[in-house]
N, C-alpha and C. Protein backbone atom coordinates (compact mmCIF):
# COMPACT_ATOMS: atom_id res chain seq x y z
N MET A 1 39.07 -32.06 3.01
CA MET A 1 39.79 -31.27 2.08
C MET A 1 40.80 -32.04 1.16
N ASN A 2 41.10 -31.56 0.10
CA ASN A 2 42.25 -32.17 -0.54
C ASN A 2 43.50 -32.07 0.10
N GLY A 3 44.66 -33.04 -0.34
CA GLY A 3 46.22 -32.70 0.63
C GLY A 3 46.74 -31.45 0.06
N ILE A 4 46.29 -31.15 -1.35
CA ILE A 4 47.36 -30.15 -1.74
C ILE A 4 46.73 -28.97 -1.29
N LEU A 5 45.57 -28.73 -1.20
CA LEU A 5 44.51 -27.25 -0.75
C LEU A 5 44.89 -27.52 0.44
N ASP A 6 45.02 -28.37 1.34
CA ASP A 6 45.43 -28.67 2.58
C ASP A 6 47.07 -27.92 2.49
N TRP A 7 47.55 -28.50 2.16
CA TRP A 7 49.26 -27.75 2.03
C TRP A 7 49.11 -26.39 1.86
N ALA A 8 48.88 -26.12 0.84
CA ALA A 8 48.99 -25.07 -0.06
C ALA A 8 48.16 -23.48 1.02
N MET A 9 47.18 -24.13 1.69
CA MET A 9 46.40 -23.35 2.44
C MET A 9 47.56 -22.85 3.73
N HIS A 10 48.02 -24.18 4.41
CA HIS A 10 49.10 -23.92 5.61
C HIS A 10 50.31 -22.89 4.95
N PHE A 11 50.74 -23.30 3.95
CA PHE A 11 51.86 -22.49 3.39
C PHE A 11 51.26 -21.10 3.45
N ALA A 12 50.37 -20.73 2.62
CA ALA A 12 49.96 -19.49 2.30
C ALA A 12 49.88 -18.76 3.81
N LEU A 13 49.35 -19.33 4.76
CA LEU A 13 48.97 -18.63 6.08
C LEU A 13 50.36 -18.35 6.72
N ALA A 14 51.45 -19.16 6.84
CA ALA A 14 52.75 -19.16 7.38
C ALA A 14 53.36 -18.05 6.38
N CYS A 15 53.21 -17.70 5.18
CA CYS A 15 53.55 -16.74 4.36
C CYS A 15 53.08 -15.41 5.27
N PHE A 16 51.65 -15.70 5.33
CA PHE A 16 51.18 -13.98 5.33
C PHE A 16 51.76 -13.49 6.68
N ALA A 17 51.75 -14.52 7.44
CA ALA A 17 52.39 -14.65 8.90
C ALA A 17 53.36 -13.96 8.76
N THR A 18 54.26 -14.16 8.44
CA THR A 18 55.63 -13.90 7.96
C THR A 18 55.70 -12.45 7.53
N GLY A 19 54.68 -12.42 6.65
CA GLY A 19 54.63 -10.60 6.34
C GLY A 19 54.29 -10.04 7.32
N MET A 20 53.32 -10.27 8.22
CA MET A 20 52.79 -9.28 9.29
C MET A 20 53.76 -9.07 10.39
N VAL A 21 54.59 -10.24 10.61
CA VAL A 21 55.60 -9.67 11.62
C VAL A 21 56.73 -8.62 10.76
N CYS A 22 56.87 -8.97 9.83
CA CYS A 22 57.91 -7.85 8.90
C CYS A 22 57.20 -6.22 9.20
N ALA A 23 56.04 -6.53 8.97
CA ALA A 23 55.20 -5.12 8.68
C ALA A 23 55.00 -4.53 10.20
N ALA A 24 54.84 -5.59 11.09
CA ALA A 24 54.92 -4.94 12.38
C ALA A 24 55.93 -4.56 12.93
N LEU A 25 57.27 -5.00 12.58
CA LEU A 25 58.53 -4.38 13.24
C LEU A 25 58.49 -3.41 12.16
N ARG A 26 58.05 -3.09 11.17
CA ARG A 26 58.66 -1.98 10.30
C ARG A 26 57.36 -0.81 10.95
N LEU A 27 56.33 -1.20 11.49
CA LEU A 27 55.44 0.00 12.08
C LEU A 27 55.99 0.30 13.45
N LEU A 28 56.68 -0.25 13.72
CA LEU A 28 57.49 0.25 15.79
C LEU A 28 58.67 0.53 15.16
N ARG A 29 59.40 0.47 14.10
CA ARG A 29 60.79 1.17 13.93
C ARG A 29 60.80 1.81 12.95
N GLY A 30 59.44 2.13 12.08
CA GLY A 30 59.79 3.14 10.75
C GLY A 30 60.61 4.66 11.22
N PRO A 31 61.25 4.82 10.22
CA PRO A 31 62.17 6.14 10.66
C PRO A 31 61.11 7.02 10.08
N SER A 32 59.60 6.65 9.48
CA SER A 32 58.96 8.06 8.98
C SER A 32 57.50 7.91 9.02
N ALA A 33 56.82 8.62 9.20
CA ALA A 33 55.46 8.56 9.32
C ALA A 33 54.79 7.89 7.96
N GLN A 34 55.81 7.67 6.85
CA GLN A 34 54.89 7.60 5.57
C GLN A 34 55.69 5.73 5.66
N ASP A 35 56.83 5.64 6.23
CA ASP A 35 56.69 4.16 6.62
C ASP A 35 55.83 3.39 7.15
N ARG A 36 55.61 4.13 8.42
CA ARG A 36 54.53 3.34 9.34
C ARG A 36 53.28 3.26 8.32
N ILE A 37 52.64 4.21 7.77
CA ILE A 37 51.35 3.80 7.09
C ILE A 37 51.82 2.98 5.82
N LEU A 38 52.86 2.68 5.46
CA LEU A 38 52.75 1.60 4.57
C LEU A 38 52.89 0.55 5.14
N ALA A 39 53.20 0.40 6.33
CA ALA A 39 53.26 -1.09 7.29
C ALA A 39 52.03 -1.37 7.71
N LEU A 40 51.19 -0.37 7.97
CA LEU A 40 49.77 -0.08 8.46
C LEU A 40 48.86 -1.06 7.08
N ASP A 41 49.24 -0.49 6.13
CA ASP A 41 48.54 -0.99 5.10
C ASP A 41 48.84 -2.23 4.59
N THR A 42 50.38 -3.19 4.76
CA THR A 42 50.40 -4.44 4.68
C THR A 42 50.09 -5.13 5.30
N LEU A 43 50.14 -4.63 6.70
CA LEU A 43 48.86 -5.22 8.04
C LEU A 43 47.87 -5.85 7.67
N TYR A 44 47.36 -4.76 7.11
CA TYR A 44 45.56 -4.83 6.91
C TYR A 44 45.31 -5.72 5.63
N ILE A 45 46.18 -6.01 4.65
CA ILE A 45 46.21 -6.59 3.60
C ILE A 45 46.46 -8.40 4.02
N ASN A 46 47.55 -8.11 4.60
CA ASN A 46 48.23 -9.37 5.27
C ASN A 46 46.67 -10.30 6.01
N GLY A 47 46.51 -9.63 6.89
CA GLY A 47 45.42 -10.10 7.68
C GLY A 47 43.96 -10.38 6.85
N MET A 48 43.80 -9.53 6.02
CA MET A 48 42.39 -9.86 5.04
C MET A 48 42.82 -11.23 4.48
N LEU A 49 43.75 -11.38 4.02
CA LEU A 49 44.14 -12.37 2.90
C LEU A 49 44.08 -13.51 3.92
N SER A 50 44.81 -13.40 5.16
CA SER A 50 44.83 -14.47 6.40
C SER A 50 43.19 -15.39 6.53
N ILE A 51 42.28 -14.36 6.58
CA ILE A 51 41.23 -14.41 7.13
C ILE A 51 40.81 -14.87 5.69
N LEU A 52 40.59 -14.56 4.45
CA LEU A 52 40.23 -15.36 3.17
C LEU A 52 41.06 -17.02 3.19
N CYS A 53 42.06 -17.10 3.48
CA CYS A 53 42.63 -18.30 3.48
C CYS A 53 41.86 -19.22 4.42
N LEU A 54 41.53 -18.88 5.63
CA LEU A 54 40.68 -19.45 6.76
C LEU A 54 39.15 -20.03 6.05
N GLY A 55 38.83 -18.34 5.51
CA GLY A 55 37.77 -18.97 4.95
C GLY A 55 37.58 -20.32 3.81
N ILE A 56 38.46 -20.14 3.11
CA ILE A 56 38.64 -21.27 2.24
C ILE A 56 38.72 -22.76 2.70
N GLY A 57 39.58 -22.66 3.99
CA GLY A 57 39.69 -23.76 4.57
C GLY A 57 38.49 -24.41 5.20
N VAL A 58 37.76 -23.67 6.08
CA VAL A 58 36.59 -23.75 6.78
C VAL A 58 35.65 -24.28 5.72
N GLY A 59 35.46 -23.30 4.68
CA GLY A 59 33.99 -23.36 4.12
C GLY A 59 33.55 -22.49 4.38
N ALA A 60 33.25 -21.48 5.34
CA ALA A 60 32.33 -20.88 5.40
C ALA A 60 32.06 -19.56 5.07
N ALA A 61 30.83 -18.87 4.46
CA ALA A 61 31.01 -17.70 3.85
C ALA A 61 31.19 -16.35 4.47
N ILE A 62 31.09 -16.25 6.00
CA ILE A 62 30.92 -15.37 6.65
C ILE A 62 32.49 -14.87 6.92
N TYR A 63 33.43 -15.42 6.46
CA TYR A 63 34.89 -15.05 6.39
C TYR A 63 35.41 -14.28 5.14
N PHE A 64 34.21 -14.37 4.15
CA PHE A 64 34.40 -13.50 3.15
C PHE A 64 33.90 -12.10 3.38
N ASP A 65 32.86 -12.23 4.06
CA ASP A 65 32.36 -10.68 4.41
C ASP A 65 33.09 -10.24 5.51
N ILE A 66 33.68 -10.93 6.44
CA ILE A 66 34.71 -10.17 7.38
C ILE A 66 35.64 -9.60 6.47
N ALA A 67 36.23 -10.04 5.43
CA ALA A 67 37.35 -9.97 5.06
C ALA A 67 37.27 -8.49 3.92
N LEU A 68 35.79 -8.63 3.18
CA LEU A 68 35.77 -7.23 2.56
C LEU A 68 35.48 -5.90 3.50
N LEU A 69 35.09 -6.57 4.82
CA LEU A 69 34.74 -5.31 5.57
C LEU A 69 36.15 -4.94 5.84
N ILE A 70 37.04 -5.92 6.29
CA ILE A 70 38.39 -5.35 6.80
C ILE A 70 39.32 -4.34 5.32
N ALA A 71 38.74 -4.89 4.29
CA ALA A 71 39.55 -4.05 3.11
C ALA A 71 38.82 -2.69 2.73
N LEU A 72 37.62 -2.42 2.99
CA LEU A 72 37.04 -1.27 3.45
C LEU A 72 37.42 -0.49 4.26
N PHE A 73 37.32 -0.81 5.40
CA PHE A 73 38.23 0.18 6.74
C PHE A 73 39.54 0.20 6.38
N GLY A 74 40.31 -0.76 6.03
CA GLY A 74 41.74 -0.40 5.76
C GLY A 74 41.78 0.85 4.72
N PHE A 75 41.16 0.50 3.56
CA PHE A 75 40.91 1.70 2.71
C PHE A 75 41.20 2.95 3.12
N VAL A 76 39.59 3.05 3.85
CA VAL A 76 39.33 4.12 3.85
C VAL A 76 40.32 5.12 5.28
N GLY A 77 40.78 4.11 6.10
CA GLY A 77 42.04 4.50 7.36
C GLY A 77 43.28 5.05 6.62
N SER A 78 43.60 4.38 5.72
CA SER A 78 45.00 4.55 5.02
C SER A 78 44.69 5.87 4.20
N THR A 79 43.49 6.18 3.68
CA THR A 79 43.51 7.38 2.64
C THR A 79 43.43 8.50 3.78
N ALA A 80 42.28 7.98 4.76
CA ALA A 80 42.87 9.34 5.79
C ALA A 80 43.84 9.54 6.53
N MET A 81 44.60 8.64 6.66
CA MET A 81 46.16 8.63 7.34
C MET A 81 46.99 9.78 6.25
N ALA A 82 46.63 9.20 5.06
CA ALA A 82 47.75 10.27 3.93
C ALA A 82 47.33 11.29 3.84
N LYS A 83 45.81 11.62 3.53
CA LYS A 83 45.38 13.09 3.63
C LYS A 83 45.97 13.86 5.06
N PHE A 84 46.07 13.10 6.06
CA PHE A 84 46.13 14.04 7.31
C PHE A 84 48.08 14.33 7.14
N LEU A 85 48.87 13.42 6.94
CA LEU A 85 50.27 13.76 6.74
C LEU A 85 50.26 14.72 5.64
N LEU A 86 49.51 14.54 4.23
CA LEU A 86 49.66 15.67 3.32
C LEU A 86 49.35 17.41 3.72
N ARG A 87 47.92 17.28 4.27
CA ARG A 87 47.66 18.59 4.99
C ARG A 87 46.92 19.08 5.92
N GLY A 88 47.57 18.31 7.09
CA GLY A 88 47.39 18.24 8.36
C GLY A 88 46.15 18.25 9.01
N GLU A 89 45.19 18.02 8.27
CA GLU A 89 43.70 17.64 8.51
C GLU A 89 42.76 16.76 7.92
N VAL A 90 41.98 15.90 8.38
CA VAL A 90 41.24 15.23 7.48
C VAL A 90 39.93 15.75 7.09
N ILE A 91 39.23 16.04 7.75
CA ILE A 91 37.98 16.86 7.07
C ILE A 91 38.12 18.63 7.23
N GLU A 92 38.24 18.94 5.99
CA GLU A 92 38.47 20.57 5.47
C GLU A 92 37.02 21.33 6.01
N PRO A 93 37.41 22.21 6.50
CA PRO A 93 36.25 23.04 6.93
C PRO A 93 35.56 24.03 5.45
């Protein structure tokens, strides 16, 4: 791997890890449920981006499929949680 790409990948992973730590703190100490949902959104996005960086570093295509699944499930989960907070139920009768 190229030297600058290797350095940039490690820097990006460190930034994503820092973002995940900050989001985890907000998830644990958030004053409201909305803050906790936003922290969970940030956690899954940073996790997805970390996996994408690892996929670029390793050069394996399976990491990109895993990141796509994380994005899909994260979007569905955050939408369901927002609907639950808004209406009190996820599936309407």
